[in-house]
Structure formats: C-alpha cells, structure tokens
C-alpha cells in the first residue's frame, strides 16, 4: 500500500513537471513594425507560434498547428492575402527572416555532425 502511494505521488509530480516544461512560449503582438517584446505562455491546445504579415501589419501569437493554413489565418484576420509561418519552439515567431536563418544554421550543423560521425566509423 505504501509503495502504491509513493508511485502515485511520483506520477503526479512527473505530470506537473512535464506539463510545465512543455509549455510553448510565443511572441504576442499586433503591430505595424517588426519589433515585439511581449510574449506569453500558450494554452495546452495551442502547440505552435504564428508569424503572419498582411499589408503593413505583423501578427504574432500562439496558434493551433492544425489551423496553420492560409484559409484559417485569413478568416481570423479578415484579410484576403497573408504571408505566414508557424513554428514549434519557444519564441520562434520573433520575425520571419530569423526563422529561415535559424533553420538553415540548424541544418548545416546537423549535416556537419553526421559527416563527423560517418567519417569516424571509416
């Protein structure tokens, strides 16, 4: 009986720590300029960060990955044309340019590591 209580307590603690550890943080702004310093923790049903540009407006917020498509975004923002990007790591929706550079850098580093691993086995 005591072991069961310990196991239940352990599972409860793991659930609390895991749920707080996976909370995504995204910038949250609607402004005509590219700077944004406000960020928030996304709700559990929002699993991606949105960066959208329409006209002179830049829109950033937590979003659902399943609704990360042009039609859903245009309906919400009530616009007919939008450029957007969704990403799934903390504060990744700062601006559109840095997303591409980060992805390119990450890919380059990964390829370099794989090449080193491959060469070390020859």
PDB file of N, CA and C in Angstrom:
ATOM      1  N   UNK A   1       0.825  -1.196   0.000  1.00  0.00           N
ATOM      2  CA  UNK A   1       0.000   0.000   0.000  1.00  0.00           C
ATOM      3  C   UNK A   1       0.871   1.263   0.000  1.00  0.00           C
ATOM      4  N   UNK A   2       1.946   1.231   0.782  1.00  0.00           N
ATOM      5  CA  UNK A   2       2.833   2.392   0.861  1.00  0.00           C
ATOM      6  C   UNK A   2       3.551   2.612  -0.480  1.00  0.00           C
ATOM      7  N   UNK A   3       3.934   1.505  -1.127  1.00  0.00           N
ATOM      8  CA  UNK A   3       4.590   1.606  -2.430  1.00  0.00           C
ATOM      9  C   UNK A   3       3.649   2.217  -3.461  1.00  0.00           C
ATOM     10  N   UNK A   4       2.357   1.898  -3.392  1.00  0.00           N
ATOM     11  CA  UNK A   4       1.383   2.460  -4.336  1.00  0.00           C
ATOM     12  C   UNK A   4       1.257   3.962  -4.139  1.00  0.00           C
ATOM     13  N   UNK A   5       1.236   4.414  -2.882  1.00  0.00           N
ATOM     14  CA  UNK A   5       1.159   5.862  -2.618  1.00  0.00           C
ATOM     15  C   UNK A   5       2.385   6.574  -3.174  1.00  0.00           C
ATOM     16  N   UNK A   6       3.559   5.951  -2.978  1.00  0.00           N
ATOM     17  CA  UNK A   6       4.794   6.537  -3.495  1.00  0.00           C
ATOM     18  C   UNK A   6       4.777   6.628  -5.014  1.00  0.00           C
ATOM     19  N   UNK A   7       4.268   5.573  -5.640  1.00  0.00           N
ATOM     20  CA  UNK A   7       4.181   5.571  -7.100  1.00  0.00           C
ATOM     21  C   UNK A   7       3.200   6.633  -7.590  1.00  0.00           C
ATOM     22  N   UNK A   8       2.069   6.753  -6.925  1.00  0.00           N
ATOM     23  CA  UNK A   8       1.078   7.763  -7.309  1.00  0.00           C
ATOM     24  C   UNK A   8       1.651   9.166  -7.138  1.00  0.00           C
ATOM     25  N   UNK A   9       2.359   9.408  -6.045  1.00  0.00           N
ATOM     26  CA  UNK A   9       2.977  10.710  -5.806  1.00  0.00           C
ATOM     27  C   UNK A   9       4.025  11.006  -6.880  1.00  0.00           C
ATOM     28  N   UNK A  10       4.830  10.010  -7.217  1.00  0.00           N
ATOM     29  CA  UNK A  10       5.843  10.185  -8.251  1.00  0.00           C
ATOM     30  C   UNK A  10       5.202  10.518  -9.599  1.00  0.00           C
ATOM     31  N   UNK A  11       4.154   9.799  -9.960  1.00  0.00           N
ATOM     32  CA  UNK A  11       3.460  10.060 -11.226  1.00  0.00           C
ATOM     33  C   UNK A  11       2.838  11.452 -11.235  1.00  0.00           C
ATOM     34  N   UNK A  12       2.284  11.866 -10.117  1.00  0.00           N
ATOM     35  CA  UNK A  12       1.688  13.200 -10.008  1.00  0.00           C
ATOM     36  C   UNK A  12       2.762  14.274 -10.181  1.00  0.00           C
ATOM     37  N   UNK A  13       3.898  14.104  -9.517  1.00  0.00           N
ATOM     38  CA  UNK A  13       4.984  15.073  -9.665  1.00  0.00           C
ATOM     39  C   UNK A  13       5.507  15.125 -11.094  1.00  0.00           C
ATOM     40  N   UNK A  14       5.653  13.962 -11.724  1.00  0.00           N
ATOM     41  CA  UNK A  14       6.088  13.931 -13.119  1.00  0.00           C
ATOM     42  C   UNK A  14       5.096  14.640 -14.026  1.00  0.00           C
ATOM     43  N   UNK A  15       3.819  14.438 -13.788  1.00  0.00           N
ATOM     44  CA  UNK A  15       2.794  15.100 -14.605  1.00  0.00           C
ATOM     45  C   UNK A  15       2.878  16.609 -14.460  1.00  0.00           C
ATOM     46  N   UNK A  16       3.076  17.095 -13.245  1.00  0.00           N
ATOM     47  CA  UNK A  16       3.167  18.537 -13.013  1.00  0.00           C
ATOM     48  C   UNK A  16       4.401  19.105 -13.690  1.00  0.00           C
ATOM     49  N   UNK A  17       5.562  18.475 -13.491  1.00  0.00           N
ATOM     50  CA  UNK A  17       6.791  18.987 -14.080  1.00  0.00           C
ATOM     51  C   UNK A  17       6.789  18.874 -15.596  1.00  0.00           C
ATOM     52  N   UNK A  18       6.275  17.803 -16.128  1.00  0.00           N
ATOM     53  CA  UNK A  18       6.241  17.640 -17.581  1.00  0.00           C
ATOM     54  C   UNK A  18       5.284  18.627 -18.224  1.00  0.00           C
ATOM     55  N   UNK A  19       4.155  18.871 -17.614  1.00  0.00           N
ATOM     56  CA  UNK A  19       3.196  19.791 -18.221  1.00  0.00           C
ATOM     57  C   UNK A  19       3.717  21.213 -18.212  1.00  0.00           C
ATOM     58  N   UNK A  20       4.479  21.604 -17.188  1.00  0.00           N
ATOM     59  CA  UNK A  20       5.021  22.958 -17.184  1.00  0.00           C
ATOM     60  C   UNK A  20       6.244  23.063 -18.078  1.00  0.00           C
ATOM     61  N   UNK A  21       6.966  21.971 -18.249  1.00  0.00           N
ATOM     62  CA  UNK A  21       8.181  22.009 -19.055  1.00  0.00           C
ATOM     63  C   UNK A  21       7.875  22.104 -20.540  1.00  0.00           C
ATOM     64  N   UNK A  22       6.739  21.626 -20.996  1.00  0.00           N
ATOM     65  CA  UNK A  22       6.442  21.620 -22.415  1.00  0.00           C
ATOM     66  C   UNK A  22       5.586  22.801 -22.856  1.00  0.00           C
ATOM     67  N   UNK A  23       5.307  23.732 -21.971  1.00  0.00           N
ATOM     68  CA  UNK A  23       4.507  24.896 -22.343  1.00  0.00           C
ATOM     69  C   UNK A  23       5.288  25.759 -23.322  1.00  0.00           C
ATOM     70  N   UNK A  24       4.703  25.985 -24.459  1.00  0.00           N
ATOM     71  CA  UNK A  24       5.331  26.777 -25.508  1.00  0.00           C
ATOM     72  C   UNK A  24       5.152  28.255 -25.205  1.00  0.00           C
ATOM     73  N   UNK A  25       6.187  29.034 -25.457  1.00  0.00           N
ATOM     74  CA  UNK A  25       6.115  30.487 -25.312  1.00  0.00           C
ATOM     75  C   UNK A  25       6.255  31.103 -26.697  1.00  0.00           C
ATOM     76  N   UNK A  26       5.373  32.057 -26.992  1.00  0.00           N
ATOM     77  CA  UNK A  26       5.387  32.742 -28.286  1.00  0.00           C
ATOM     78  C   UNK A  26       5.295  34.239 -28.076  1.00  0.00           C
ATOM     79  N   UNK A  27       5.854  34.983 -29.033  1.00  0.00           N
ATOM     80  CA  UNK A  27       5.631  36.428 -29.017  1.00  0.00           C
ATOM     81  C   UNK A  27       4.163  36.668 -29.334  1.00  0.00           C
ATOM     82  N   UNK A  28       3.618  37.732 -28.753  1.00  0.00           N
ATOM     83  CA  UNK A  28       2.192  38.018 -28.889  1.00  0.00           C
ATOM     84  C   UNK A  28       2.032  39.519 -29.154  1.00  0.00           C
ATOM     85  N   UNK A  29       1.971  39.885 -30.440  1.00  0.00           N
ATOM     86  CA  UNK A  29       1.869  41.302 -30.805  1.00  0.00           C
ATOM     87  C   UNK A  29       1.101  41.459 -32.108  1.00  0.00           C
ATOM     88  N   UNK A  30       0.464  42.581 -32.234  1.00  0.00           N
ATOM     89  CA  UNK A  30      -0.127  43.017 -33.496  1.00  0.00           C
ATOM     90  C   UNK A  30       0.336  44.448 -33.680  1.00  0.00           C
ATOM     91  N   UNK A  31       1.283  44.631 -34.580  1.00  0.00           N
ATOM     92  CA  UNK A  31       1.831  45.967 -34.760  1.00  0.00           C
ATOM     93  C   UNK A  31       2.323  46.157 -36.196  1.00  0.00           C
ATOM     94  N   UNK A  32       2.480  47.401 -36.599  1.00  0.00           N
ATOM     95  CA  UNK A  32       2.940  47.661 -37.966  1.00  0.00           C
ATOM     96  C   UNK A  32       4.457  47.604 -38.118  1.00  0.00           C
ATOM     97  N   UNK A  33       5.169  47.343 -37.048  1.00  0.00           N
ATOM     98  CA  UNK A  33       6.630  47.289 -37.116  1.00  0.00           C
ATOM     99  C   UNK A  33       7.114  45.905 -36.736  1.00  0.00           C
ATOM    100  N   UNK A  34       8.387  45.649 -36.956  1.00  0.00           N
ATOM    101  CA  UNK A  34       8.901  44.298 -36.737  1.00  0.00           C
ATOM    102  C   UNK A  34       9.333  44.024 -35.298  1.00  0.00           C
ATOM    103  N   UNK A  35       9.400  45.034 -34.438  1.00  0.00           N
ATOM    104  CA  UNK A  35       9.835  44.774 -33.063  1.00  0.00           C
ATOM    105  C   UNK A  35       8.656  44.305 -32.216  1.00  0.00           C
ATOM    106  N   UNK A  36       8.910  43.321 -31.371  1.00  0.00           N
ATOM    107  CA  UNK A  36       7.880  42.786 -30.488  1.00  0.00           C
ATOM    108  C   UNK A  36       8.582  42.226 -29.264  1.00  0.00           C
ATOM    109  N   UNK A  37       8.213  42.702 -28.095  1.00  0.00           N
ATOM    110  CA  UNK A  37       8.864  42.248 -26.866  1.00  0.00           C
ATOM    111  C   UNK A  37       7.899  41.537 -25.930  1.00  0.00           C
ATOM    112  N   UNK A  38       6.623  41.510 -26.258  1.00  0.00           N
ATOM    113  CA  UNK A  38       5.623  40.862 -25.405  1.00  0.00           C
ATOM    114  C   UNK A  38       5.546  39.387 -25.781  1.00  0.00           C
ATOM    115  N   UNK A  39       5.629  38.511 -24.777  1.00  0.00           N
ATOM    116  CA  UNK A  39       5.445  37.093 -25.062  1.00  0.00           C
ATOM    117  C   UNK A  39       4.564  36.475 -23.999  1.00  0.00           C
ATOM    118  N   UNK A  40       3.999  35.339 -24.332  1.00  0.00           N
ATOM    119  CA  UNK A  40       3.084  34.676 -23.409  1.00  0.00           C
ATOM    120  C   UNK A  40       3.244  33.165 -23.513  1.00  0.00           C
ATOM    121  N   UNK A  41       2.777  32.481 -22.483  1.00  0.00           N
ATOM    122  CA  UNK A  41       2.775  31.023 -22.479  1.00  0.00           C
ATOM    123  C   UNK A  41       1.490  30.561 -23.154  1.00  0.00           C
ATOM    124  N   UNK A  42       1.625  29.668 -24.089  1.00  0.00           N
ATOM    125  CA  UNK A  42       0.470  29.186 -24.841  1.00  0.00           C
ATOM    126  C   UNK A  42      -0.371  28.245 -23.989  1.00  0.00           C
ATOM    127  N   UNK A  43      -1.648  28.218 -24.279  1.00  0.00           N
ATOM    128  CA  UNK A  43      -2.540  27.275 -23.609  1.00  0.00           C
ATOM    129  C   UNK A  43      -2.236  25.870 -24.128  1.00  0.00           C
ATOM    130  N   UNK A  44      -2.637  24.834 -23.401  1.00  0.00           N
ATOM    131  CA  UNK A  44      -2.316  23.459 -23.814  1.00  0.00           C
ATOM    132  C   UNK A  44      -2.799  23.083 -25.218  1.00  0.00           C
ATOM    133  N   UNK A  45      -3.872  23.688 -25.693  1.00  0.00           N
ATOM    134  CA  UNK A  45      -4.369  23.328 -27.024  1.00  0.00           C
ATOM    135  C   UNK A  45      -3.704  24.132 -28.145  1.00  0.00           C
ATOM    136  N   UNK A  46      -2.811  25.044 -27.797  1.00  0.00           N
ATOM    137  CA  UNK A  46      -2.075  25.811 -28.800  1.00  0.00           C
ATOM    138  C   UNK A  46      -0.638  25.302 -28.825  1.00  0.00           C
ATOM    139  N   UNK A  47      -0.263  24.665 -29.916  1.00  0.00           N
ATOM    140  CA  UNK A  47       1.008  23.958 -29.980  1.00  0.00           C
ATOM    141  C   UNK A  47       2.004  24.527 -30.987  1.00  0.00           C
ATOM    142  N   UNK A  48       1.744  25.743 -31.435  1.00  0.00           N
ATOM    143  CA  UNK A  48       2.654  26.358 -32.402  1.00  0.00           C
ATOM    144  C   UNK A  48       2.612  27.877 -32.253  1.00  0.00           C
ATOM    145  N   UNK A  49       3.652  28.536 -32.742  1.00  0.00           N
ATOM    146  CA  UNK A  49       3.692  30.002 -32.753  1.00  0.00           C
ATOM    147  C   UNK A  49       3.424  30.465 -34.184  1.00  0.00           C
ATOM    148  N   UNK A  50       2.641  31.509 -34.308  1.00  0.00           N
ATOM    149  CA  UNK A  50       2.293  32.045 -35.618  1.00  0.00           C
ATOM    150  C   UNK A  50       2.993  33.378 -35.840  1.00  0.00           C
ATOM    151  N   UNK A  51       3.518  33.553 -37.043  1.00  0.00           N
ATOM    152  CA  UNK A  51       4.054  34.823 -37.516  1.00  0.00           C
ATOM    153  C   UNK A  51       3.345  35.085 -38.839  1.00  0.00           C
ATOM    154  N   UNK A  52       2.552  36.147 -38.898  1.00  0.00           N
ATOM    155  CA  UNK A  52       1.802  36.449 -40.119  1.00  0.00           C
ATOM    156  C   UNK A  52       1.970  37.913 -40.486  1.00  0.00           C
ATOM    157  N   UNK A  53       2.068  38.163 -41.787  1.00  0.00           N
ATOM    158  CA  UNK A  53       2.192  39.528 -42.297  1.00  0.00           C
ATOM    159  C   UNK A  53       1.092  39.747 -43.312  1.00  0.00           C
ATOM    160  N   UNK A  54       0.368  40.832 -43.133  1.00  0.00           N
ATOM    161  CA  UNK A  54      -0.642  41.233 -44.107  1.00  0.00           C
ATOM    162  C   UNK A  54      -0.599  42.738 -44.203  1.00  0.00           C
ATOM    163  N   UNK A  55      -0.338  43.233 -45.410  1.00  0.00           N
ATOM    164  CA  UNK A  55      -0.165  44.670 -45.591  1.00  0.00           C
ATOM    165  C   UNK A  55       1.015  45.151 -44.769  1.00  0.00           C
ATOM    166  N   UNK A  56       0.787  46.169 -43.937  1.00  0.00           N
ATOM    167  CA  UNK A  56       1.832  46.700 -43.064  1.00  0.00           C
ATOM    168  C   UNK A  56       1.754  46.108 -41.656  1.00  0.00           C
ATOM    169  N   UNK A  57       0.836  45.188 -41.421  1.00  0.00           N
ATOM    170  CA  UNK A  57       0.653  44.604 -40.092  1.00  0.00           C
ATOM    171  C   UNK A  57       1.466  43.324 -39.930  1.00  0.00           C
ATOM    172  N   UNK A  58       2.050  43.172 -38.760  1.00  0.00           N
ATOM    173  CA  UNK A  58       2.761  41.952 -38.385  1.00  0.00           C
ATOM    174  C   UNK A  58       2.018  41.384 -37.190  1.00  0.00           C
ATOM    175  N   UNK A  59       1.633  40.133 -37.281  1.00  0.00           N
ATOM    176  CA  UNK A  59       0.782  39.489 -36.278  1.00  0.00           C
ATOM    177  C   UNK A  59       1.517  38.288 -35.717  1.00  0.00           C
ATOM    178  N   UNK A  60       1.663  38.245 -34.373  1.00  0.00           N
ATOM    179  CA  UNK A  60       2.347  37.133 -33.712  1.00  0.00           C
ATOM    180  C   UNK A  60       1.487  36.658 -32.550  1.00  0.00           C
ATOM    181  N   UNK A  61       1.358  35.331 -32.413  1.00  0.00           N
ATOM    182  CA  UNK A  61       0.643  34.787 -31.265  1.00  0.00           C
ATOM    183  C   UNK A  61       0.734  33.271 -31.233  1.00  0.00           C
ATOM    184  N   UNK A  62       0.238  32.690 -30.128  1.00  0.00           N
ATOM    185  CA  UNK A  62       0.115  31.239 -30.031  1.00  0.00           C
ATOM    186  C   UNK A  62      -0.975  30.789 -30.996  1.00  0.00           C
ATOM    187  N   UNK A  63      -0.854  29.573 -31.500  1.00  0.00           N
ATOM    188  CA  UNK A  63      -1.772  29.102 -32.529  1.00  0.00           C
ATOM    189  C   UNK A  63      -1.871  27.589 -32.463  1.00  0.00           C
ATOM    190  N   UNK A  64      -2.884  27.047 -33.105  1.00  0.00           N
ATOM    191  CA  UNK A  64      -3.018  25.593 -33.245  1.00  0.00           C
ATOM    192  C   UNK A  64      -2.356  25.162 -34.545  1.00  0.00           C
ATOM    193  N   UNK A  65      -1.506  24.157 -34.469  1.00  0.00           N
ATOM    194  CA  UNK A  65      -0.820  23.667 -35.672  1.00  0.00           C
ATOM    195  C   UNK A  65      -1.831  23.200 -36.720  1.00  0.00           C
ATOM    196  N   UNK A  66      -2.924  22.595 -36.262  1.00  0.00           N
ATOM    197  CA  UNK A  66      -3.935  22.097 -37.195  1.00  0.00           C
ATOM    198  C   UNK A  66      -4.633  23.226 -37.958  1.00  0.00           C
ATOM    199  N   UNK A  67      -4.530  24.459 -37.451  1.00  0.00           N
ATOM    200  CA  UNK A  67      -5.151  25.613 -38.117  1.00  0.00           C
ATOM    201  C   UNK A  67      -4.109  26.537 -38.746  1.00  0.00           C
ATOM    202  N   UNK A  68      -2.908  26.018 -38.901  1.00  0.00           N
ATOM    203  CA  UNK A  68      -1.847  26.814 -39.508  1.00  0.00           C
ATOM    204  C   UNK A  68      -1.910  26.650 -41.024  1.00  0.00           C
ATOM    205  N   UNK A  69      -2.870  27.320 -41.595  1.00  0.00           N
ATOM    206  CA  UNK A  69      -3.024  27.319 -43.051  1.00  0.00           C
ATOM    207  C   UNK A  69      -3.576  28.673 -43.460  1.00  0.00           C
ATOM    208  N   UNK A  70      -3.345  29.034 -44.681  1.00  0.00           N
ATOM    209  CA  UNK A  70      -3.735  30.353 -45.166  1.00  0.00           C
ATOM    210  C   UNK A  70      -5.204  30.660 -44.984  1.00  0.00           C
ATOM    211  N   UNK A  71      -6.058  29.702 -45.253  1.00  0.00           N
ATOM    212  CA  UNK A  71      -7.507  29.936 -45.158  1.00  0.00           C
ATOM    213  C   UNK A  71      -7.929  30.290 -43.727  1.00  0.00           C
ATOM    214  N   UNK A  72      -7.476  29.501 -42.757  1.00  0.00           N
ATOM    215  CA  UNK A  72      -7.836  29.764 -41.361  1.00  0.00           C
ATOM    216  C   UNK A  72      -7.309  31.116 -40.902  1.00  0.00           C
ATOM    217  N   UNK A  73      -6.080  31.409 -41.251  1.00  0.00           N
ATOM    218  CA  UNK A  73      -5.458  32.670 -40.820  1.00  0.00           C
ATOM    219  C   UNK A  73      -6.158  33.862 -41.468  1.00  0.00           C
ATOM    220  N   UNK A  74      -6.448  33.763 -42.760  1.00  0.00           N
ATOM    221  CA  UNK A  74      -7.134  34.871 -43.442  1.00  0.00           C
ATOM    222  C   UNK A  74      -8.532  35.080 -42.884  1.00  0.00           C
ATOM    223  N   UNK A  75      -9.230  33.998 -42.541  1.00  0.00           N
ATOM    224  CA  UNK A  75     -10.562  34.133 -41.944  1.00  0.00           C
ATOM    225  C   UNK A  75     -10.499  34.846 -40.607  1.00  0.00           C
ATOM    226  N   UNK A  76      -9.546  34.477 -39.757  1.00  0.00           N
ATOM    227  CA  UNK A  76      -9.424  35.113 -38.453  1.00  0.00           C
ATOM    228  C   UNK A  76      -9.074  36.590 -38.586  1.00  0.00           C
ATOM    229  N   UNK A  77      -8.114  36.883 -39.440  1.00  0.00           N
ATOM    230  CA  UNK A  77      -7.638  38.261 -39.581  1.00  0.00           C
ATOM    231  C   UNK A  77      -8.515  39.090 -40.515  1.00  0.00           C
ATOM    232  N   UNK A  78      -9.451  38.441 -41.192  1.00  0.00           N
ATOM    233  CA  UNK A  78     -10.357  39.104 -42.128  1.00  0.00           C
ATOM    234  C   UNK A  78      -9.587  39.853 -43.215  1.00  0.00           C
ATOM    235  N   UNK A  79      -8.644  39.133 -43.841  1.00  0.00           N
ATOM    236  CA  UNK A  79      -7.861  39.687 -44.936  1.00  0.00           C
ATOM    237  C   UNK A  79      -7.940  38.719 -46.110  1.00  0.00           C
ATOM    238  N   UNK A  80      -7.535  39.192 -47.296  1.00  0.00           N
ATOM    239  CA  UNK A  80      -7.590  38.338 -48.478  1.00  0.00           C
ATOM    240  C   UNK A  80      -6.232  37.795 -48.886  1.00  0.00           C
ATOM    241  N   UNK A  81      -5.161  38.332 -48.278  1.00  0.00           N
ATOM    242  CA  UNK A  81      -3.823  37.849 -48.597  1.00  0.00           C
ATOM    243  C   UNK A  81      -2.970  37.922 -47.341  1.00  0.00           C
ATOM    244  N   UNK A  82      -2.236  36.844 -47.078  1.00  0.00           N
ATOM    245  CA  UNK A  82      -1.377  36.809 -45.895  1.00  0.00           C
ATOM    246  C   UNK A  82      -0.151  35.946 -46.187  1.00  0.00           C
ATOM    247  N   UNK A  83       0.970  36.359 -45.646  1.00  0.00           N
ATOM    248  CA  UNK A  83       2.182  35.546 -45.648  1.00  0.00           C
ATOM    249  C   UNK A  83       2.366  35.093 -44.215  1.00  0.00           C
ATOM    250  N   UNK A  84       2.600  33.814 -43.999  1.00  0.00           N
ATOM    251  CA  UNK A  84       2.659  33.319 -42.624  1.00  0.00           C
ATOM    252  C   UNK A  84       3.682  32.210 -42.467  1.00  0.00           C
ATOM    253  N   UNK A  85       4.035  31.975 -41.229  1.00  0.00           N
ATOM    254  CA  UNK A  85       4.926  30.873 -40.869  1.00  0.00           C
ATOM    255  C   UNK A  85       4.531  30.402 -39.476  1.00  0.00           C
ATOM    256  N   UNK A  86       4.480  29.109 -39.290  1.00  0.00           N
ATOM    257  CA  UNK A  86       4.233  28.517 -37.978  1.00  0.00           C
ATOM    258  C   UNK A  86       5.476  27.742 -37.563  1.00  0.00           C
ATOM    259  N   UNK A  87       5.804  27.806 -36.286  1.00  0.00           N
ATOM    260  CA  UNK A  87       6.980  27.121 -35.771  1.00  0.00           C
ATOM    261  C   UNK A  87       6.676  26.611 -34.369  1.00  0.00           C
ATOM    262  N   UNK A  88       7.469  25.662 -33.903  1.00  0.00           N
ATOM    263  CA  UNK A  88       7.113  24.983 -32.660  1.00  0.00           C
ATOM    264  C   UNK A  88       8.239  24.938 -31.636  1.00  0.00           C
ATOM    265  N   UNK A  89       8.960  26.031 -31.473  1.00  0.00           N
ATOM    266  CA  UNK A  89       9.909  26.127 -30.358  1.00  0.00           C
ATOM    267  C   UNK A  89       9.781  27.525 -29.751  1.00  0.00           C
ATOM    268  N   UNK A  90      10.209  27.674 -28.525  1.00  0.00           N
ATOM    269  CA  UNK A  90       9.980  28.901 -27.773  1.00  0.00           C
ATOM    270  C   UNK A  90      10.454  30.154 -28.499  1.00  0.00           C
ATOM    271  N   UNK A  91       9.549  31.121 -28.573  1.00  0.00           N
ATOM    272  CA  UNK A  91       9.809  32.456 -29.117  1.00  0.00           C
ATOM    273  C   UNK A  91      10.356  32.428 -30.540  1.00  0.00           C
ATOM    274  N   UNK A  92       9.926  31.465 -31.311  1.00  0.00           N
ATOM    275  CA  UNK A  92      10.410  31.318 -32.689  1.00  0.00           C
ATOM    276  C   UNK A  92       9.713  32.258 -33.659  1.00  0.00           C
ATOM    277  N   UNK A  93       8.680  32.957 -33.214  1.00  0.00           N
ATOM    278  CA  UNK A  93       7.937  33.837 -34.126  1.00  0.00           C
ATOM    279  C   UNK A  93       8.336  35.304 -33.974  1.00  0.00           C
ATOM    280  N   UNK A  94       9.599  35.556 -33.639  1.00  0.00           N
ATOM    281  CA  UNK A  94      10.070  36.937 -33.491  1.00  0.00           C
ATOM    282  C   UNK A  94       9.986  37.683 -34.811  1.00  0.00           C
ATOM    283  N   UNK A  95      10.592  37.124 -35.858  1.00  0.00           N
ATOM    284  CA  UNK A  95      10.440  37.705 -37.187  1.00  0.00           C
ATOM    285  C   UNK A  95      10.697  36.648 -38.239  1.00  0.00           C
ATOM    286  N   UNK A  96      10.234  36.898 -39.418  1.00  0.00           N
ATOM    287  CA  UNK A  96      10.285  35.909 -40.491  1.00  0.00           C
ATOM    288  C   UNK A  96      11.710  35.617 -40.945  1.00  0.00           C
ATOM    289  N   UNK A  97      12.555  36.640 -41.030  1.00  0.00           N
ATOM    290  CA  UNK A  97      13.910  36.454 -41.524  1.00  0.00           C
ATOM    291  C   UNK A  97      14.744  35.548 -40.645  1.00  0.00           C
ATOM    292  N   UNK A  98      14.628  35.681 -39.329  1.00  0.00           N
ATOM    293  CA  UNK A  98      15.469  34.878 -38.448  1.00  0.00           C
ATOM    294  C   UNK A  98      15.041  33.411 -38.454  1.00  0.00           C
ATOM    295  N   UNK A  99      13.790  33.121 -38.778  1.00  0.00           N
ATOM    296  CA  UNK A  99      13.353  31.729 -38.834  1.00  0.00           C
ATOM    297  C   UNK A  99      14.094  30.980 -39.918  1.00  0.00           C
ATOM    298  N   UNK A 100      14.200  31.567 -41.082  1.00  0.00           N
ATOM    299  CA  UNK A 100      14.896  30.905 -42.171  1.00  0.00           C
ATOM    300  C   UNK A 100      16.367  30.717 -41.867  1.00  0.00           C
ATOM    301  N   UNK A 101      17.004  31.739 -41.285  1.00  0.00           N
ATOM    302  CA  UNK A 101      18.418  31.645 -40.945  1.00  0.00           C
ATOM    303  C   UNK A 101      18.644  30.583 -39.879  1.00  0.00           C
ATOM    304  N   UNK A 102      17.772  30.510 -38.872  1.00  0.00           N
ATOM    305  CA  UNK A 102      17.923  29.514 -37.815  1.00  0.00           C
ATOM    306  C   UNK A 102      17.787  28.105 -38.372  1.00  0.00           C
ATOM    307  N   UNK A 103      16.815  27.907 -39.232  1.00  0.00           N
ATOM    308  CA  UNK A 103      16.617  26.580 -39.820  1.00  0.00           C
ATOM    309  C   UNK A 103      17.811  26.191 -40.673  1.00  0.00           C
ATOM    310  N   UNK A 104      18.337  27.137 -41.445  1.00  0.00           N
ATOM    311  CA  UNK A 104      19.492  26.855 -42.286  1.00  0.00           C
ATOM    312  C   UNK A 104      20.712  26.534 -41.432  1.00  0.00           C
ATOM    313  N   UNK A 105      20.949  27.305 -40.377  1.00  0.00           N
ATOM    314  CA  UNK A 105      22.073  27.057 -39.484  1.00  0.00           C
ATOM    315  C   UNK A 105      21.925  25.698 -38.808  1.00  0.00           C
ATOM    316  N   UNK A 106      20.723  25.383 -38.319  1.00  0.00           N
ATOM    317  CA  UNK A 106      20.490  24.101 -37.666  1.00  0.00           C
ATOM    318  C   UNK A 106      20.728  22.933 -38.598  1.00  0.00           C
ATOM    319  N   UNK A 107      20.303  23.059 -39.832  1.00  0.00           N
ATOM    320  CA  UNK A 107      20.512  22.003 -40.814  1.00  0.00           C
ATOM    321  C   UNK A 107      21.998  21.833 -41.117  1.00  0.00           C
ATOM    322  N   UNK A 108      22.713  22.938 -41.258  1.00  0.00           N
ATOM    323  CA  UNK A 108      24.146  22.874 -41.533  1.00  0.00           C
ATOM    324  C   UNK A 108      24.895  22.195 -40.398  1.00  0.00           C
ATOM    325  N   UNK A 109      24.561  22.532 -39.171  1.00  0.00           N
ATOM    326  CA  UNK A 109      25.210  21.921 -38.008  1.00  0.00           C
ATOM    327  C   UNK A 109      24.910  20.435 -37.966  1.00  0.00           C
ATOM    328  N   UNK A 110      23.668  20.051 -38.214  1.00  0.00           N
ATOM    329  CA  UNK A 110      23.296  18.642 -38.208  1.00  0.00           C
ATOM    330  C   UNK A 110      24.060  17.858 -39.272  1.00  0.00           C
ATOM    331  N   UNK A 111      24.177  18.407 -40.463  1.00  0.00           N
ATOM    332  CA  UNK A 111      24.919  17.739 -41.533  1.00  0.00           C
ATOM    333  C   UNK A 111      26.385  17.589 -41.150  1.00  0.00           C
ATOM    334  N   UNK A 112      26.968  18.617 -40.545  1.00  0.00           N
ATOM    335  CA  UNK A 112      28.368  18.537 -40.121  1.00  0.00           C
ATOM    336  C   UNK A 112      28.569  17.445 -39.073  1.00  0.00           C
ATOM    337  N   UNK A 113      27.660  17.343 -38.116  1.00  0.00           N
ATOM    338  CA  UNK A 113      27.753  16.316 -37.081  1.00  0.00           C
ATOM    339  C   UNK A 113      27.620  14.926 -37.691  1.00  0.00           C
ATOM    340  N   UNK A 114      26.668  14.758 -38.588  1.00  0.00           N
ATOM    341  CA  UNK A 114      26.502  13.454 -39.245  1.00  0.00           C
ATOM    342  C   UNK A 114      27.731  13.074 -40.057  1.00  0.00           C
ATOM    343  N   UNK A 115      28.318  14.055 -40.734  1.00  0.00           N
ATOM    344  CA  UNK A 115      29.539  13.767 -41.502  1.00  0.00           C
ATOM    345  C   UNK A 115      30.678  13.343 -40.588  1.00  0.00           C
ATOM    346  N   UNK A 116      30.824  14.007 -39.455  1.00  0.00           N
ATOM    347  CA  UNK A 116      31.874  13.629 -38.500  1.00  0.00           C
ATOM    348  C   UNK A 116      31.646  12.224 -37.979  1.00  0.00           C
ATOM    349  N   UNK A 117      30.409  11.907 -37.664  1.00  0.00           N
ATOM    350  CA  UNK A 117      30.096  10.560 -37.174  1.00  0.00           C
ATOM    351  C   UNK A 117      30.394   9.512 -38.238  1.00  0.00           C
ATOM    352  N   UNK A 118      30.044   9.821 -39.467  1.00  0.00           N
ATOM    353  CA  UNK A 118      30.271   8.877 -40.567  1.00  0.00           C
ATOM    354  C   UNK A 118      31.762   8.687 -40.806  1.00  0.00           C
ATOM    355  N   UNK A 119      32.512   9.777 -40.816  1.00  0.00           N
ATOM    356  CA  UNK A 119      33.949   9.695 -41.080  1.00  0.00           C
ATOM    357  C   UNK A 119      34.689   8.972 -39.958  1.00  0.00           C
ATOM    358  N   UNK A 120      34.211   9.089 -38.726  1.00  0.00           N
ATOM    359  CA  UNK A 120      34.885   8.437 -37.614  1.00  0.00           C
ATOM    360  C   UNK A 120      34.707   6.917 -37.648  1.00  0.00           C
ATOM    361  N   UNK A 121      33.714   6.421 -38.389  1.00  0.00           N
ATOM    362  CA  UNK A 121      33.480   4.982 -38.484  1.00  0.00           C
ATOM    363  C   UNK A 121      34.182   4.358 -39.689  1.00  0.00           C
ATOM    364  N   UNK A 122      34.861   5.168 -40.494  1.00  0.00           N
ATOM    365  CA  UNK A 122      35.578   4.638 -41.668  1.00  0.00           C
ATOM    366  C   UNK A 122      36.925   4.088 -41.306  1.00  0.00           C
TER     367      UNK A 122
END
